[in-house]
Amino acid sequence: MFKLTNYLKKYKWKTILGPTIKFLEAIFDIITPILVAFILDKGIPNNDKRYIILLSVIIIIMNLIGFVCAIGCSKCASKVSRGVGMDIRRDMYQHITSLSSVEKDKYTTMSFTNRIVHDVQQLENAIGMTIRQVARAPFLLIGSTIASIIIDARLSLIFLVVMPIIAFIVIFIMKKASPIYLEAKTRLDKVSNVTRENLSGNRVVRAFNKQEYEKKRFEKVNAEFTHSNLKIGKLSAIMQPLLYLFVNLGVIAVIYFGGVRVNVGALSQGKIISFINYFTQISIALVAIARLIITYTRTGASIKRISEVFALSPSIKNNSNPIILTKDVPSNIEFKDVSFSYNKIKYILNGFSIKIEAGSTIGIIGGTGSGKSTLVNLLPRFYDVSSGEILINGINIKKYDLASLRDYVSIVPQNPTLFKGTIESNLKFRDSNATLEELIKALKISQSYEFVCEKPDGIKSKVERGGTNFSGGQRQRLTIARALVGSPKIIILDDSSSALDFETDYNLRHALSVTLKDTTKIIVSQRTNSIKDSDIIIVLDNGNVVGVGEHENLLKKCEVYKEIYNSQNKEEAV
């Protein structure tokens, strides 16, 4: 669970020092009006220049010390708030990356991004503001009130009228604003999601001439977000003028009734000036406290969103004493009566069972939504089976150490993802200690070596974010090369050669079979030509295994496979 106090402990002394020196500044602010009153009531009437200069010097020194205290407090507030923010972002990032796909499916990518960036930043601002104001504003309020009562108890009754009104305004606006802040955060997620979809899918939008449609879709979510912010802005705009209205009315009342008491001799001129200064300080403190409360209201929504992330517990994790899966363990795989459902209602896989011998090549084919990707995602435990079990070398994969399992099994996803950097840094993403020879070997197997060598900088060539400076086929081959680095015992190609021409696809499969004889190869594809040479072909249909065997055998006995093959090879239709 997320506890802010755990993060503040690391900066305990700065958290204490900041408010302490700010408290000292508040003391000087309270003393200053009294000294001004002494100058006006004693120094000036008695023409005592020495007395006036002495008190003036004391006021200047106190203000200089207060200035230094303010700088010191701001420095402490900055270090604590930024440090805590950095620590929370680090832990959030680590926590999010530790979650399984089950937990990540609950929120969008942009929702996680907004929480780790904007919500943490809001929390940083609240911590900084607290350190700067938590000691000063309340003490200034209480101290100035006590000082004003000492000066003139009757005149201070004005506070008893003004302060409840201000308190009511702040509490009312806070209650109104609290749910709107959370609503605005949610709508910001929607704006970010639509923006991300439009930017990443810009070519698709243009290809289908859907610019106006997407523009309207963005305008809708943007208008909703703007509407929430306008409501917040209106409440904030109402609060400040109302606060200052009643504060200024109070100042007018002080001047009026104070003037009356000065005329009757019940109050000196110096004391009325001090009283006005104290009232001004009280009004400043009230406004600061009001801002603190509004900030806390906004931060409350952010803390709730941050807590939601930390509350997500990874459903896929190591057992208490996991078995380390080493590369010398044979890659024999067995799916034993495996069923899987994303929502525990509709099953994507139903009672799937098969044995796969080490070093063999397995082809998986089926229609869209038949469960192909789901099946291979279960092997590295991106998801856990709903029932049944998956065994490697006769041991349930849940008993293996998760890191060693994912080092043992390497998967190339459907959508090729490259990271900003170089070809070399991307290839070393799986194994940072890989040698140049290992990288070249992976490039050659994946049929990437030729086009990489044509680059002016070769393996040192730059890769833009997402690999946008490479073609679709090049990106696929580079992601395959990356998966091969580190010599995995099981390699899964999840429809990862769809952008390759038939010749390159054939050369890739031939290189895999010749070079990686001891590696179990699982190829998911929509093309029958890509899997027809596999040792075993698994045909899926709506989560059920409708055919298992070799290419020729399936053409005779499996109608689903035969239909797929004939649709792709009309000249050779069976």
Protein backbone atom coordinates (compact mmCIF):
# COMPACT_ATOMS: atom_id res chain seq x y z
CA MET A 1 0.00 0.00 0.00
CA PHE A 2 1.06 3.60 -0.65
CA LYS A 3 2.02 5.56 2.48
CA LEU A 4 3.41 9.05 2.03
CA THR A 5 5.04 9.02 5.49
CA ASN A 6 7.33 6.19 4.37
CA TYR A 7 8.78 8.47 1.68
CA LEU A 8 9.08 11.48 3.98
CA LYS A 9 11.21 9.51 6.48
CA LYS A 10 14.17 9.66 4.11
CA TYR A 11 14.01 13.49 4.23
CA LYS A 12 13.04 13.70 7.91
CA TRP A 13 15.50 16.40 8.96
CA LYS A 14 14.76 18.70 6.01
CA THR A 15 11.03 18.13 6.57
CA ILE A 16 11.47 19.30 10.19
CA LEU A 17 14.04 22.06 9.47
CA GLY A 18 11.95 23.76 6.76
CA PRO A 19 8.85 24.47 8.90
CA THR A 20 11.05 25.29 11.93
CA ILE A 21 12.90 28.15 10.24
CA LYS A 22 9.65 29.27 8.63
CA PHE A 23 8.18 29.35 12.14
CA LEU A 24 11.04 31.66 13.13
CA GLU A 25 10.15 33.97 10.25
CA ALA A 26 6.51 34.03 11.46
CA ILE A 27 7.66 35.06 14.96
CA PHE A 28 9.51 38.04 13.47
CA ASP A 29 6.41 38.95 11.41
CA ILE A 30 4.34 39.02 14.62
CA ILE A 31 6.89 41.05 16.59
CA THR A 32 7.40 43.69 13.86
CA PRO A 33 3.98 45.48 14.23
CA ILE A 34 4.56 45.78 18.00
CA LEU A 35 7.93 47.49 17.41
CA VAL A 36 6.30 49.78 14.83
CA ALA A 37 3.70 50.72 17.47
CA PHE A 38 6.49 51.55 19.96
CA ILE A 39 8.12 53.83 17.37
CA LEU A 40 4.83 55.62 16.67
CA ASP A 41 3.69 55.91 20.30
CA LYS A 42 7.00 56.55 22.10
CA GLY A 43 9.84 57.32 19.71
CA ILE A 44 8.19 59.94 17.49
CA PRO A 45 6.17 61.82 20.21
CA ASN A 46 9.29 62.03 22.42
CA ASN A 47 11.52 62.86 19.44
CA ASP A 48 13.85 60.10 20.65
CA LYS A 49 15.99 59.51 17.56
CA ARG A 50 18.20 56.94 19.31
CA TYR A 51 15.13 54.91 20.29
CA ILE A 52 13.67 55.14 16.75
CA ILE A 53 16.98 54.10 15.12
CA LEU A 54 17.47 51.21 17.56
CA LEU A 55 14.01 49.75 16.91
CA SER A 56 14.36 50.37 13.17
CA VAL A 57 17.67 48.48 13.11
CA ILE A 58 16.06 45.62 15.05
CA ILE A 59 13.19 45.51 12.53
CA ILE A 60 15.66 45.48 9.60
CA ILE A 61 17.74 42.70 11.20
CA MET A 62 14.63 40.61 11.88
CA ASN A 63 13.46 41.09 8.31
CA LEU A 64 16.87 40.08 6.96
CA ILE A 65 16.85 36.97 9.16
CA GLY A 66 13.31 36.28 8.00
CA PHE A 67 14.47 36.64 4.40
CA VAL A 68 17.25 34.09 4.98
CA CYS A 69 14.76 31.78 6.73
CA ALA A 70 12.40 32.03 3.76
CA ILE A 71 15.19 31.07 1.35
CA GLY A 72 16.28 28.18 3.60
CA CYS A 73 12.73 26.91 3.93
CA SER A 74 12.15 27.10 0.19
CA LYS A 75 15.35 25.14 -0.38
CA CYS A 76 14.26 22.45 2.10
CA ALA A 77 10.77 22.34 0.55
CA SER A 78 12.23 21.98 -2.93
CA LYS A 79 14.60 19.15 -1.96
CA VAL A 80 11.96 17.25 0.00
CA SER A 81 9.17 17.62 -2.57
CA ARG A 82 11.34 16.81 -5.60
CA GLY A 83 13.09 13.99 -3.75
CA VAL A 84 9.83 12.40 -2.62
CA GLY A 85 8.40 12.83 -6.13
CA MET A 86 11.46 11.14 -7.64
CA ASP A 87 11.21 8.23 -5.18
CA ILE A 88 7.47 7.75 -5.77
CA ARG A 89 7.92 7.82 -9.56
CA ARG A 90 10.74 5.28 -9.28
CA ASP A 91 8.66 2.94 -7.12
CA MET A 92 5.56 3.40 -9.29
CA TYR A 93 7.57 2.57 -12.39
CA GLN A 94 9.09 -0.51 -10.77
CA HIS A 95 5.68 -1.58 -9.47
CA ILE A 96 3.97 -1.11 -12.84
CA THR A 97 6.68 -3.10 -14.61
CA SER A 98 6.28 -5.89 -12.04
CA LEU A 99 2.57 -6.25 -12.79
CA SER A 100 1.34 -9.01 -15.02
CA SER A 101 -0.75 -8.38 -18.12
CA VAL A 102 -3.88 -9.13 -16.04
CA GLU A 103 -3.35 -6.02 -13.88
CA LYS A 104 -2.13 -3.82 -16.73
CA ASP A 105 -5.30 -4.56 -18.69
CA LYS A 106 -7.30 -2.67 -16.03
CA TYR A 107 -5.86 0.71 -17.04
CA THR A 108 -4.70 2.24 -20.30
CA THR A 109 -1.09 3.12 -20.98
CA MET A 110 -1.86 6.85 -20.83
CA SER A 111 -3.66 6.44 -17.52
CA PHE A 112 -0.51 4.95 -16.02
CA THR A 113 1.55 7.72 -17.64
CA ASN A 114 -0.65 10.50 -16.26
CA ARG A 115 -0.57 8.99 -12.76
CA ILE A 116 3.20 8.62 -12.72
CA VAL A 117 3.77 12.14 -14.13
CA HIS A 118 0.91 14.56 -13.43
CA ASP A 119 -0.47 13.06 -10.21
CA VAL A 120 2.97 12.72 -8.64
CA GLN A 121 3.76 16.30 -9.67
CA GLN A 122 0.57 17.46 -7.92
CA LEU A 123 1.71 15.61 -4.79
CA GLU A 124 5.14 17.28 -5.06
CA ASN A 125 3.51 20.72 -5.16
CA ALA A 126 1.40 19.88 -2.10
CA ILE A 127 4.46 18.73 -0.11
CA GLY A 128 6.41 21.86 -1.02
CA MET A 129 3.50 24.13 -0.14
CA THR A 130 2.97 22.29 3.15
CA ILE A 131 6.58 22.73 4.26
CA ARG A 132 6.46 26.43 3.38
CA GLN A 133 3.07 27.17 4.94
CA VAL A 134 2.15 24.51 7.52
CA ALA A 135 4.07 26.27 10.31
CA ARG A 136 3.85 29.87 9.16
CA ALA A 137 0.19 30.30 8.20
CA PRO A 138 -1.47 28.73 11.29
CA PHE A 139 1.02 30.36 13.69
CA LEU A 140 0.65 33.72 11.95
CA LEU A 141 -3.12 33.36 12.25
CA ILE A 142 -3.09 32.38 15.93
CA GLY A 143 -0.24 34.72 16.92
CA SER A 144 -1.69 37.74 15.18
CA THR A 145 -5.13 37.03 16.67
CA ILE A 146 -3.71 36.82 20.21
CA ALA A 147 -1.63 39.98 19.67
CA SER A 148 -4.67 41.89 18.36
CA ILE A 149 -6.77 40.74 21.36
CA ILE A 150 -4.04 42.01 23.70
CA ILE A 151 -4.02 45.37 21.91
CA ASP A 152 -7.81 45.79 22.02
CA ALA A 153 -10.21 42.97 22.89
CA ARG A 154 -13.31 44.88 21.73
CA LEU A 155 -11.92 45.69 18.33
CA SER A 156 -10.79 42.08 17.85
CA LEU A 157 -14.46 41.00 17.95
CA ILE A 158 -14.46 41.91 14.26
CA PHE A 159 -12.42 38.72 13.73
CA LEU A 160 -15.18 36.65 15.31
CA VAL A 161 -17.53 37.90 12.60
CA VAL A 162 -15.17 37.69 9.60
CA MET A 163 -13.37 34.39 10.29
CA PRO A 164 -16.47 32.08 10.38
CA ILE A 165 -17.64 33.58 7.07
CA ILE A 166 -14.25 32.90 5.46
CA ALA A 167 -14.16 29.39 6.93
CA PHE A 168 -17.63 28.69 5.52
CA ILE A 169 -16.58 29.88 2.04
CA VAL A 170 -13.48 27.66 2.03
CA ILE A 171 -15.29 24.54 3.28
CA PHE A 172 -18.18 25.02 0.84
CA ILE A 173 -15.90 25.42 -2.17
CA MET A 174 -13.73 22.50 -1.04
CA LYS A 175 -16.73 20.15 -0.91
CA LYS A 176 -17.88 21.28 -4.33
CA ALA A 177 -14.43 21.03 -5.91
CA SER A 178 -13.28 17.65 -4.54
CA PRO A 179 -15.29 15.35 -6.92
CA ILE A 180 -14.63 17.67 -9.87
CA TYR A 181 -10.84 17.30 -9.47
CA LEU A 182 -11.14 13.51 -9.71
CA GLU A 183 -13.46 13.88 -12.71
CA ALA A 184 -10.92 16.16 -14.42
CA LYS A 185 -8.14 13.61 -13.89
CA THR A 186 -10.23 10.85 -15.46
CA ARG A 187 -11.09 13.03 -18.43
CA LEU A 188 -7.41 13.93 -18.85
CA ASP A 189 -6.73 10.20 -19.28
CA LYS A 190 -9.32 10.11 -22.08
CA VAL A 191 -7.76 13.10 -23.85
CA SER A 192 -4.32 11.47 -23.59
CA ASN A 193 -5.63 8.15 -24.92
CA VAL A 194 -7.34 9.69 -27.94
CA THR A 195 -4.25 11.82 -28.66
CA ARG A 196 -1.96 8.79 -28.45
CA GLU A 197 -4.22 6.74 -30.73
CA ASN A 198 -4.36 9.52 -33.32
CA LEU A 199 -0.61 10.13 -33.32
CA SER A 200 0.38 6.46 -33.42
CA GLY A 201 -2.31 5.63 -35.99
CA ASN A 202 -1.90 8.78 -38.08
CA ARG A 203 -1.23 6.88 -41.30
CA VAL A 204 -4.34 4.76 -40.84
CA VAL A 205 -6.45 7.86 -40.18
CA ARG A 206 -5.19 9.48 -43.37
CA ALA A 207 -5.50 6.30 -45.41
CA PHE A 208 -9.21 6.04 -44.54
CA ASN A 209 -9.71 9.82 -44.80
CA LYS A 210 -11.00 9.93 -41.22
CA GLN A 211 -9.35 13.19 -40.17
CA GLU A 212 -12.68 14.93 -39.56
CA TYR A 213 -14.08 11.97 -37.62
CA GLU A 214 -11.00 11.81 -35.38
CA LYS A 215 -11.05 15.58 -35.01
CA LYS A 216 -14.63 15.43 -33.71
CA ARG A 217 -13.74 12.54 -31.40
CA PHE A 218 -10.85 14.55 -29.95
CA GLU A 219 -12.96 17.70 -29.68
CA LYS A 220 -15.57 15.77 -27.69
CA VAL A 221 -13.19 14.45 -25.01
CA ASN A 222 -11.28 17.73 -25.01
CA ALA A 223 -14.52 19.65 -24.46
CA GLU A 224 -15.42 17.36 -21.54
CA PHE A 225 -11.98 17.90 -20.00
CA THR A 226 -12.23 21.66 -20.57
CA HIS A 227 -15.71 21.69 -19.01
CA SER A 228 -14.35 20.05 -15.83
CA ASN A 229 -11.48 22.52 -15.67
CA LEU A 230 -13.84 25.44 -16.22
CA LYS A 231 -15.95 24.29 -13.27
CA ILE A 232 -12.78 24.15 -11.15
CA GLY A 233 -11.73 27.56 -12.49
CA LYS A 234 -15.11 29.08 -11.65
CA LEU A 235 -14.96 27.80 -8.08
CA SER A 236 -11.40 29.12 -7.69
CA ALA A 237 -12.40 32.43 -9.26
CA ILE A 238 -15.29 32.78 -6.81
CA MET A 239 -13.21 31.92 -3.75
CA GLN A 240 -10.45 34.52 -4.08
CA PRO A 241 -12.72 37.59 -4.57
CA LEU A 242 -15.09 36.45 -1.80
CA LEU A 243 -12.21 35.96 0.63
CA TYR A 244 -10.70 39.36 -0.15
CA LEU A 245 -14.15 41.00 -0.07
CA PHE A 246 -14.77 39.97 3.55
CA VAL A 247 -11.15 40.61 4.52
CA ASN A 248 -11.34 44.15 3.14
CA LEU A 249 -14.71 44.68 4.80
CA GLY A 250 -13.01 43.67 8.03
CA VAL A 251 -10.16 46.14 7.42
CA ILE A 252 -12.72 48.91 6.80
CA ALA A 253 -14.50 47.98 10.02
CA VAL A 254 -11.17 48.04 11.93
CA ILE A 255 -10.29 51.48 10.54
CA TYR A 256 -13.74 52.87 11.32
CA PHE A 257 -14.17 51.50 14.83
CA GLY A 258 -10.47 51.89 15.55
CA GLY A 259 -10.68 55.57 14.58
CA VAL A 260 -13.57 56.02 16.99
CA ARG A 261 -11.56 54.46 19.84
CA VAL A 262 -8.54 56.61 19.00
CA ASN A 263 -10.71 59.74 19.20
CA VAL A 264 -11.99 58.82 22.65
CA GLY A 265 -8.44 58.02 23.80
CA ALA A 266 -9.03 54.30 24.32
CA LEU A 267 -6.46 53.38 21.67
CA SER A 268 -3.22 55.02 20.50
CA GLN A 269 -2.33 55.68 16.87
CA GLY A 270 0.56 53.24 17.00
CA LYS A 271 -1.69 50.48 18.31
CA ILE A 272 -4.32 51.04 15.62
CA ILE A 273 -1.58 50.79 12.95
CA SER A 274 -0.34 47.57 14.58
CA PHE A 275 -3.91 46.28 14.77
CA ILE A 276 -4.39 46.90 11.04
CA ASN A 277 -1.06 45.14 10.32
CA TYR A 278 -2.17 42.17 12.40
CA PHE A 279 -5.50 42.05 10.63
CA THR A 280 -3.66 42.12 7.29
CA GLN A 281 -1.43 39.26 8.48
CA ILE A 282 -4.49 37.32 9.60
CA SER A 283 -6.10 37.81 6.18
CA ILE A 284 -2.89 36.66 4.43
CA ALA A 285 -2.76 33.60 6.70
CA LEU A 286 -6.42 32.80 5.99
CA VAL A 287 -5.87 33.02 2.23
CA ALA A 288 -2.75 30.81 2.55
CA ILE A 289 -4.72 28.24 4.57
CA ALA A 290 -7.52 28.38 2.00
CA ARG A 291 -5.01 27.70 -0.77
CA LEU A 292 -3.57 24.85 1.28
CA ILE A 293 -7.01 23.30 1.64
CA ILE A 294 -7.73 23.63 -2.09
CA THR A 295 -4.32 22.14 -2.86
CA TYR A 296 -5.02 19.25 -0.48
CA THR A 297 -8.37 18.71 -2.19
CA ARG A 298 -6.68 18.45 -5.58
CA THR A 299 -3.90 16.32 -4.13
CA GLY A 300 -6.44 14.00 -2.52
CA ALA A 301 -7.64 13.01 -6.00
CA SER A 302 -4.03 12.45 -7.10
CA ILE A 303 -3.17 10.38 -4.00
CA LYS A 304 -6.23 8.22 -4.66
CA ARG A 305 -5.07 7.56 -8.21
CA ILE A 306 -1.50 6.83 -7.09
CA SER A 307 -2.81 4.49 -4.37
CA GLU A 308 -4.88 2.63 -6.97
CA VAL A 309 -1.69 1.78 -8.84
CA PHE A 310 0.15 0.59 -5.71
CA ALA A 311 -2.96 -1.37 -4.68
CA LEU A 312 -2.60 -3.52 -7.79
CA SER A 313 -0.88 -6.67 -6.67
CA PRO A 314 0.89 -8.78 -9.30
CA SER A 315 -1.07 -11.99 -9.68
CA ILE A 316 1.93 -13.65 -11.34
CA LYS A 317 4.95 -13.91 -9.05
CA ASN A 318 7.49 -16.36 -7.74
CA ASN A 319 6.73 -19.07 -5.22
CA SER A 320 8.51 -18.97 -1.87
CA ASN A 321 11.29 -21.31 -3.08
CA PRO A 322 11.37 -21.08 -6.89
CA ILE A 323 13.43 -23.42 -9.04
CA ILE A 324 16.04 -21.74 -11.22
CA LEU A 325 15.48 -22.84 -14.81
CA THR A 326 18.92 -23.18 -16.40
CA LYS A 327 19.79 -23.50 -20.08
CA ASP A 328 20.97 -27.11 -19.66
CA VAL A 329 17.39 -28.24 -18.89
CA PRO A 330 15.82 -29.92 -21.96
CA SER A 331 13.02 -27.83 -23.49
CA ASN A 332 10.33 -30.51 -23.40
CA ILE A 333 6.95 -28.81 -23.11
CA GLU A 334 3.60 -30.24 -22.12
CA PHE A 335 0.24 -28.48 -22.09
CA LYS A 336 -1.98 -30.59 -19.85
CA ASP A 337 -5.73 -29.88 -20.12
CA VAL A 338 -5.10 -26.11 -20.25
CA SER A 339 -8.08 -23.73 -20.23
CA PHE A 340 -7.92 -19.95 -20.08
CA SER A 341 -10.36 -17.05 -19.77
CA TYR A 342 -9.68 -13.32 -19.55
CA ASN A 343 -12.94 -12.56 -17.76
CA LYS A 344 -13.73 -15.92 -16.10
CA ILE A 345 -16.88 -16.11 -18.22
CA LYS A 346 -15.93 -16.95 -21.80
CA TYR A 347 -13.00 -19.34 -22.27
CA ILE A 348 -10.48 -18.53 -25.00
CA LEU A 349 -8.83 -21.95 -24.66
CA ASN A 350 -10.70 -25.11 -23.71
CA GLY A 351 -8.93 -28.20 -22.40
CA PHE A 352 -5.83 -27.81 -24.59
CA SER A 353 -3.36 -30.71 -24.30
CA ILE A 354 -0.21 -31.50 -26.26
CA LYS A 355 3.39 -32.68 -25.74
CA ILE A 356 6.25 -30.93 -27.52
CA GLU A 357 9.71 -32.53 -27.69
CA ALA A 358 12.86 -30.46 -27.23
CA GLY A 359 14.33 -29.09 -30.46
CA SER A 360 11.17 -29.60 -32.50
CA THR A 361 9.42 -26.97 -34.59
CA ILE A 362 5.76 -26.37 -33.79
CA GLY A 363 3.39 -24.45 -36.05
CA ILE A 364 0.18 -22.92 -34.71
CA ILE A 365 -2.53 -21.71 -37.06
CA GLY A 366 -6.17 -20.74 -36.83
CA GLY A 367 -8.65 -18.02 -37.56
CA THR A 368 -8.69 -14.62 -35.88
CA GLY A 369 -9.64 -14.96 -32.21
CA SER A 370 -8.98 -18.68 -32.15
CA GLY A 371 -6.56 -18.33 -29.20
CA LYS A 372 -3.15 -18.54 -30.92
CA SER A 373 -1.51 -15.55 -29.18
CA THR A 374 -3.21 -16.42 -25.90
CA LEU A 375 -1.69 -19.88 -26.03
CA VAL A 376 1.90 -18.70 -26.50
CA ASN A 377 1.51 -15.91 -23.92
CA LEU A 378 0.84 -18.55 -21.28
CA LEU A 379 4.26 -20.16 -21.70
CA PRO A 380 6.38 -17.21 -20.40
CA ARG A 381 3.61 -16.56 -17.84
CA PHE A 382 2.36 -13.24 -19.16
CA TYR A 383 -0.92 -14.78 -18.03
CA ASP A 384 -1.53 -17.81 -15.84
CA VAL A 385 -3.78 -20.68 -16.89
CA SER A 386 -7.33 -20.70 -15.51
CA SER A 387 -7.15 -24.48 -15.14
CA GLY A 388 -4.76 -27.26 -16.07
CA GLU A 389 -0.99 -26.83 -16.10
CA ILE A 390 1.98 -26.19 -18.37
CA LEU A 391 5.13 -28.24 -17.80
CA ILE A 392 8.72 -27.76 -18.88
CA ASN A 393 10.79 -30.91 -18.47
CA GLY A 394 7.98 -32.35 -16.33
CA ILE A 395 7.81 -29.45 -13.83
CA ASN A 396 4.95 -26.91 -13.64
CA ILE A 397 6.21 -23.53 -14.90
CA LYS A 398 4.71 -21.87 -11.79
CA LYS A 399 7.45 -23.55 -9.74
CA TYR A 400 10.21 -21.97 -11.81
CA ASP A 401 11.82 -18.63 -11.00
CA LEU A 402 10.02 -16.06 -13.19
CA ALA A 403 13.19 -14.27 -14.37
CA SER A 404 14.92 -17.52 -15.31
CA LEU A 405 11.76 -18.75 -17.08
CA ARG A 406 11.64 -15.63 -19.25
CA ASP A 407 15.35 -15.96 -19.94
CA TYR A 408 14.71 -19.56 -20.99
CA VAL A 409 11.70 -18.62 -23.17
CA SER A 410 12.02 -15.80 -25.70
CA ILE A 411 8.97 -14.40 -27.49
CA VAL A 412 8.67 -12.13 -30.50
CA PRO A 413 5.27 -10.35 -30.30
CA GLN A 414 2.95 -9.58 -33.19
CA ASN A 415 3.71 -5.86 -33.11
CA PRO A 416 7.48 -5.27 -33.47
CA THR A 417 8.73 -2.81 -30.87
CA LEU A 418 12.12 -1.14 -31.06
CA PHE A 419 13.49 1.34 -28.55
CA LYS A 420 15.24 4.63 -29.23
CA GLY A 421 18.99 4.09 -29.33
CA THR A 422 21.07 2.00 -31.72
CA ILE A 423 20.68 -1.38 -33.39
CA GLU A 424 23.30 -2.69 -30.97
CA SER A 425 21.51 -1.38 -27.86
CA ASN A 426 18.26 -2.94 -29.08
CA LEU A 427 19.91 -6.30 -29.72
CA LYS A 428 21.50 -6.23 -26.27
CA PHE A 429 18.17 -5.47 -24.63
CA ARG A 430 17.70 -9.14 -23.80
CA ASP A 431 21.33 -9.82 -22.85
CA SER A 432 23.52 -6.80 -22.09
CA ASN A 433 26.64 -8.99 -21.97
CA ALA A 434 26.21 -10.40 -25.46
CA THR A 435 29.35 -10.36 -27.59
CA LEU A 436 29.63 -8.91 -31.08
CA GLU A 437 29.84 -12.43 -32.50
CA GLU A 438 26.55 -13.35 -30.82
CA LEU A 439 24.88 -10.24 -32.20
CA ILE A 440 26.10 -10.95 -35.73
CA LYS A 441 24.90 -14.56 -35.45
CA ALA A 442 21.43 -13.35 -34.40
CA LEU A 443 21.37 -10.85 -37.29
CA LYS A 444 22.29 -13.54 -39.79
CA ILE A 445 19.66 -16.01 -38.56
CA SER A 446 16.96 -13.30 -38.63
CA GLN A 447 17.99 -12.25 -42.18
CA SER A 448 18.89 -8.77 -40.89
CA TYR A 449 22.66 -8.86 -41.42
CA GLU A 450 22.59 -7.68 -45.03
CA PHE A 451 20.53 -4.51 -44.56
CA VAL A 452 22.34 -3.67 -41.30
CA CYS A 453 25.71 -3.86 -43.09
CA GLU A 454 24.36 -1.48 -45.76
CA LYS A 455 23.85 1.17 -43.09
CA PRO A 456 26.73 3.72 -42.91
CA ASP A 457 27.20 3.02 -39.19
CA GLY A 458 26.32 -0.66 -39.36
CA ILE A 459 25.30 -2.11 -36.00
CA LYS A 460 25.87 1.33 -34.45
CA SER A 461 23.14 2.88 -36.61
CA LYS A 462 20.54 4.93 -34.78
CA VAL A 463 17.05 3.63 -34.08
CA GLU A 464 14.32 6.23 -33.68
CA ARG A 465 11.53 5.74 -31.13
CA GLY A 466 9.42 2.80 -32.23
CA GLY A 467 11.88 2.04 -35.06
CA THR A 468 10.11 4.48 -37.39
CA ASN A 469 13.28 4.83 -39.50
CA PHE A 470 12.99 1.15 -40.53
CA SER A 471 10.44 -0.61 -42.71
CA GLY A 472 7.91 -3.01 -41.21
CA GLY A 473 9.85 -6.06 -42.42
CA GLN A 474 13.14 -4.68 -41.08
CA ARG A 475 11.57 -4.00 -37.69
CA GLN A 476 10.24 -7.55 -37.54
CA ARG A 477 13.62 -9.05 -38.41
CA LEU A 478 15.42 -6.89 -35.82
CA THR A 479 12.96 -7.93 -33.10
CA ILE A 480 13.54 -11.57 -34.07
CA ALA A 481 17.30 -10.99 -33.86
CA ARG A 482 16.88 -9.44 -30.41
CA ALA A 483 14.91 -12.47 -29.22
CA LEU A 484 17.67 -14.80 -30.43
CA VAL A 485 20.41 -13.05 -28.46
CA GLY A 486 21.22 -14.93 -25.26
CA SER A 487 20.54 -18.38 -26.74
CA PRO A 488 17.00 -19.05 -25.45
CA LYS A 489 15.93 -22.69 -25.23
CA ILE A 490 12.42 -21.90 -26.47
CA ILE A 491 11.77 -19.28 -29.15
CA ILE A 492 8.21 -18.15 -29.93
CA LEU A 493 7.46 -16.23 -33.12
CA ASP A 494 3.95 -14.86 -32.69
CA ASP A 495 3.00 -14.01 -36.27
CA SER A 496 6.23 -12.02 -36.36
CA SER A 497 7.07 -12.64 -40.02
CA SER A 498 3.84 -11.28 -41.51
CA ALA A 499 5.66 -8.35 -43.15
CA LEU A 500 8.33 -10.55 -44.73
CA ASP A 501 8.27 -11.68 -48.33
CA PHE A 502 8.02 -15.44 -48.96
CA GLU A 503 11.72 -15.85 -49.78
CA THR A 504 12.92 -14.05 -46.66
CA ASP A 505 10.36 -15.94 -44.57
CA TYR A 506 11.64 -19.25 -45.97
CA ASN A 507 15.29 -18.30 -45.38
CA LEU A 508 14.45 -17.31 -41.80
CA ARG A 509 12.74 -20.63 -41.04
CA HIS A 510 15.55 -22.59 -42.70
CA ALA A 511 18.17 -20.72 -40.65
CA LEU A 512 16.24 -21.38 -37.44
CA SER A 513 15.94 -25.11 -38.13
CA VAL A 514 19.61 -25.52 -39.15
CA THR A 515 21.26 -23.23 -36.59
CA LEU A 516 19.05 -23.79 -33.55
CA LYS A 517 18.65 -27.56 -33.57
CA ASP A 518 18.38 -27.87 -29.77
CA THR A 519 15.99 -24.94 -29.46
CA THR A 520 12.25 -25.58 -29.42
CA LYS A 521 10.67 -23.30 -32.00
CA ILE A 522 7.00 -22.31 -31.84
CA ILE A 523 5.78 -20.42 -34.90
CA VAL A 524 2.37 -18.74 -34.88
CA SER A 525 1.28 -17.69 -38.34
CA GLN A 526 -1.69 -17.00 -40.58
CA ARG A 527 0.23 -18.45 -43.54
CA THR A 528 0.18 -22.19 -44.09
CA ASN A 529 3.41 -21.87 -46.10
CA SER A 530 5.18 -20.51 -43.00
CA ILE A 531 4.37 -23.57 -40.90
CA LYS A 532 3.91 -26.43 -43.35
CA ASP A 533 7.44 -27.78 -42.73
CA SER A 534 6.91 -27.87 -38.93
CA ASP A 535 7.28 -31.16 -37.08
CA ILE A 536 3.82 -30.67 -35.58
CA ILE A 537 1.09 -28.26 -36.66
CA ILE A 538 -1.63 -27.31 -34.17
CA VAL A 539 -4.89 -26.03 -35.66
CA LEU A 540 -7.09 -23.94 -33.35
CA ASP A 541 -10.71 -22.95 -33.83
CA ASN A 542 -12.53 -20.91 -31.16
CA GLY A 543 -10.12 -22.04 -28.46
CA ASN A 544 -10.41 -25.72 -29.31
CA VAL A 545 -7.78 -27.94 -30.91
CA VAL A 546 -9.35 -29.22 -34.11
CA GLY A 547 -6.23 -30.71 -35.64
CA VAL A 548 -2.73 -31.87 -34.68
CA GLY A 549 -0.23 -33.40 -37.07
CA GLU A 550 1.94 -32.82 -40.12
CA HIS A 551 0.97 -30.74 -43.13
CA GLU A 552 -0.03 -33.57 -45.48
CA ASN A 553 -1.96 -35.40 -42.80
CA LEU A 554 -3.94 -32.27 -41.83
CA LEU A 555 -4.85 -31.56 -45.45
CA LYS A 556 -6.60 -34.95 -45.49
CA LYS A 557 -8.19 -34.99 -42.04
CA CYS A 558 -8.69 -31.38 -40.81
CA GLU A 559 -11.33 -29.35 -42.63
CA VAL A 560 -10.32 -26.06 -40.93
CA TYR A 561 -6.69 -26.42 -42.00
CA LYS A 562 -7.70 -27.53 -45.48
CA GLU A 563 -9.97 -24.50 -45.85
CA ILE A 564 -7.18 -22.11 -44.76
CA TYR A 565 -4.67 -23.74 -47.11
CA ASN A 566 -7.02 -23.68 -50.11
CA SER A 567 -7.87 -20.01 -49.54
CA GLN A 568 -4.15 -19.14 -49.69
CA ASN A 569 -3.11 -21.56 -52.42
CA LYS A 570 -5.96 -21.55 -54.93
CA GLU A 571 -3.77 -22.88 -57.74
CA GLU A 572 -2.81 -25.88 -55.58
CA ALA A 573 -6.17 -26.30 -53.85
CA VAL A 574 -6.79 -29.76 -52.46
